[in-house]
Amino acid sequence: MKQKGFTLVELVVVIVILGILAATALPRFINVATDARIAAMNGMAGAMRSAVALAQSRYIATGSTTATTINMAVGGATQAVVVAAGTGIPAGTTTGIQAALQNNADGFTFTCSATTPGSCTVVQASGPTACLVTYDGTAGTVSTTALTAANCGG
């Protein structure tokens, strides 16, 4: 009776090939945490941009160009948001942009300057502090320039 199977050389060749594949694939999986952190921060940046647009829309809908606060509905409750008169851009404060975000900042830490309209930075509560999104309350713009692999790795 003739036996069938793999020779030792064939098994070694398969193991070497698997080793090469693992060596090329492993670096891609190492960066998953960094990529996830950058994606989460980009999500927060998108939420901030949407909050600015919603606040400005609400400001325009009220018809007053001198108001410095607007009321936004939050699940049946009313949330006061501090905005700049004439533009409706949420202020760079916790009562401005963070309130426009409906205070939904779970997992993120807001740090806003004491001046109005000021600016705010947002970081993940468990992430590196250099991995941040910056909000400019004067222009209503959100900057994601700090969202790099070097800043968000770790």
Protein backbone atom coordinates (compact mmCIF):
# COMPACT_ATOMS: atom_id res chain seq x y z
CA MET A 1 0.00 0.00 0.00
CA LYS A 2 1.37 3.40 -1.02
CA GLN A 3 1.15 6.20 1.59
CA LYS A 4 0.23 9.74 0.61
CA GLY A 5 1.07 12.96 2.42
CA PHE A 6 3.29 16.02 2.46
CA THR A 7 7.03 15.85 2.57
CA LEU A 8 9.01 17.79 5.15
CA VAL A 9 10.27 20.18 2.45
CA GLU A 10 6.71 21.03 1.36
CA LEU A 11 5.68 21.75 4.96
CA VAL A 12 8.70 24.00 5.52
CA VAL A 13 7.95 25.92 2.31
CA VAL A 14 4.33 26.50 3.44
CA ILE A 15 5.49 27.70 6.87
CA VAL A 16 7.99 30.10 5.28
CA ILE A 17 5.31 31.51 2.96
CA LEU A 18 2.91 31.99 5.91
CA GLY A 19 5.69 33.75 7.82
CA ILE A 20 6.29 36.16 4.95
CA LEU A 21 2.58 36.90 4.66
CA ALA A 22 2.31 37.51 8.40
CA ALA A 23 5.32 39.83 8.35
CA THR A 24 3.76 41.98 5.63
CA ALA A 25 0.24 42.01 7.13
CA LEU A 26 1.20 42.68 10.77
CA PRO A 27 2.13 46.36 10.35
CA ARG A 28 -1.32 47.04 8.89
CA PHE A 29 -3.01 45.66 12.02
CA ILE A 30 -0.76 47.56 14.41
CA ASN A 31 -2.09 50.91 13.12
CA VAL A 32 -5.72 49.97 13.71
CA ALA A 33 -5.84 51.80 17.07
CA THR A 34 -4.38 54.96 15.56
CA ASP A 35 -6.75 54.81 12.60
CA ALA A 36 -9.72 54.30 14.94
CA ARG A 37 -8.67 57.27 17.08
CA ILE A 38 -8.35 59.49 13.99
CA ALA A 39 -11.76 58.29 12.72
CA ALA A 40 -13.41 59.06 16.06
CA MET A 41 -11.92 62.54 16.12
CA ASN A 42 -13.01 63.14 12.51
CA GLY A 43 -16.50 62.10 13.60
CA MET A 44 -16.41 64.70 16.38
CA ALA A 45 -15.21 67.32 13.88
CA GLY A 46 -18.16 66.47 11.63
CA ALA A 47 -20.55 66.74 14.56
CA MET A 48 -19.12 70.15 15.44
CA ARG A 49 -19.52 71.39 11.85
CA SER A 50 -23.12 70.16 11.84
CA ALA A 51 -23.78 71.86 15.19
CA VAL A 52 -22.50 75.16 13.77
CA ALA A 53 -24.74 74.82 10.72
CA LEU A 54 -27.78 73.93 12.85
CA ALA A 55 -27.17 76.81 15.26
CA GLN A 56 -26.81 79.27 12.39
CA SER A 57 -29.97 77.91 10.77
CA ARG A 58 -31.87 78.32 14.02
CA TYR A 59 -30.45 81.84 14.42
CA ILE A 60 -31.62 82.84 10.94
CA ALA A 61 -35.02 81.22 11.49
CA THR A 62 -35.64 83.33 14.60
CA GLY A 63 -35.29 86.49 12.50
CA SER A 64 -33.29 88.48 15.05
CA THR A 65 -29.81 89.60 14.01
CA THR A 66 -28.99 91.03 17.43
CA ALA A 67 -29.70 87.97 19.59
CA THR A 68 -26.79 86.42 21.49
CA THR A 69 -28.57 83.19 22.47
CA ILE A 70 -30.79 80.76 20.65
CA ASN A 71 -32.87 77.90 21.93
CA MET A 72 -32.40 74.48 20.41
CA ALA A 73 -34.70 71.55 21.18
CA VAL A 74 -33.12 68.52 22.81
CA GLY A 75 -35.52 65.60 23.12
CA GLY A 76 -38.40 67.75 24.30
CA ALA A 77 -36.21 70.04 26.44
CA THR A 78 -34.77 73.38 25.40
CA GLN A 79 -31.02 74.00 25.29
CA ALA A 80 -29.79 77.61 25.29
CA VAL A 81 -26.80 78.17 23.02
CA VAL A 82 -24.64 81.31 23.15
CA VAL A 83 -23.99 82.67 19.65
CA ALA A 84 -22.34 85.71 18.09
CA ALA A 85 -24.77 88.51 17.25
CA GLY A 86 -25.10 89.05 13.53
CA THR A 87 -23.74 85.65 12.48
CA GLY A 88 -25.29 83.04 14.77
CA ILE A 89 -21.95 81.24 15.09
CA PRO A 90 -21.80 79.35 18.39
CA ALA A 91 -19.30 80.84 20.83
CA GLY A 92 -16.12 78.96 21.63
CA THR A 93 -17.35 78.16 25.12
CA THR A 94 -19.08 75.32 26.91
CA THR A 95 -22.34 77.29 26.65
CA GLY A 96 -21.70 77.83 22.93
CA ILE A 97 -20.36 75.01 20.78
CA GLN A 98 -20.59 72.33 23.46
CA ALA A 99 -24.21 73.28 24.17
CA ALA A 100 -24.91 73.24 20.40
CA LEU A 101 -23.57 69.68 20.40
CA GLN A 102 -26.31 68.95 22.94
CA ASN A 103 -23.59 68.31 25.57
CA ASN A 104 -23.15 64.90 23.99
CA ALA A 105 -19.42 64.59 24.53
CA ASP A 106 -19.16 61.13 26.06
CA GLY A 107 -15.59 59.95 25.71
CA PHE A 108 -14.31 63.41 24.73
CA THR A 109 -12.86 66.25 26.79
CA PHE A 110 -13.65 69.87 25.87
CA THR A 111 -11.25 72.63 26.84
CA CYS A 112 -12.55 76.08 25.99
CA SER A 113 -10.84 79.41 26.53
CA ALA A 114 -12.37 81.86 28.97
CA THR A 115 -12.85 84.54 26.31
CA THR A 116 -15.89 84.85 24.07
CA PRO A 117 -16.14 83.83 21.28
CA GLY A 118 -12.80 82.14 22.00
CA SER A 119 -11.82 78.69 20.89
CA CYS A 120 -12.15 75.13 22.09
CA THR A 121 -10.07 72.02 21.69
CA VAL A 122 -11.53 68.54 21.89
CA VAL A 123 -9.55 65.39 22.67
CA GLN A 124 -10.55 61.82 23.34
CA ALA A 125 -10.67 61.24 27.08
CA SER A 126 -8.39 58.21 26.76
CA GLY A 127 -6.25 59.41 23.84
CA PRO A 128 -3.09 61.49 23.44
CA THR A 129 -3.58 65.22 24.04
CA ALA A 130 -1.85 66.10 20.75
CA CYS A 131 -4.63 64.30 18.84
CA LEU A 132 -7.19 67.09 18.88
CA VAL A 133 -9.83 68.99 16.99
CA THR A 134 -9.85 72.78 17.31
CA TYR A 135 -12.95 74.98 17.08
CA ASP A 136 -12.65 78.69 16.27
CA GLY A 137 -15.66 80.50 17.70
CA THR A 138 -14.92 83.67 15.73
CA ALA A 139 -15.22 82.07 12.30
CA GLY A 140 -17.18 78.94 13.25
CA THR A 141 -14.53 76.72 11.69
CA VAL A 142 -13.28 73.32 12.81
CA SER A 143 -9.65 72.33 12.25
CA THR A 144 -8.47 68.73 11.98
CA THR A 145 -4.85 69.47 11.06
CA ALA A 146 -3.59 67.84 14.28
CA LEU A 147 -5.16 64.48 13.35
CA THR A 148 -2.01 62.76 12.16
CA ALA A 149 -0.58 59.33 12.85
CA ALA A 150 2.27 60.96 14.79
CA ASN A 151 -0.15 62.88 17.05
CA CYS A 152 -2.77 60.16 17.41
CA GLY A 153 -0.55 57.11 17.78
CA GLY A 154 0.14 55.58 21.11
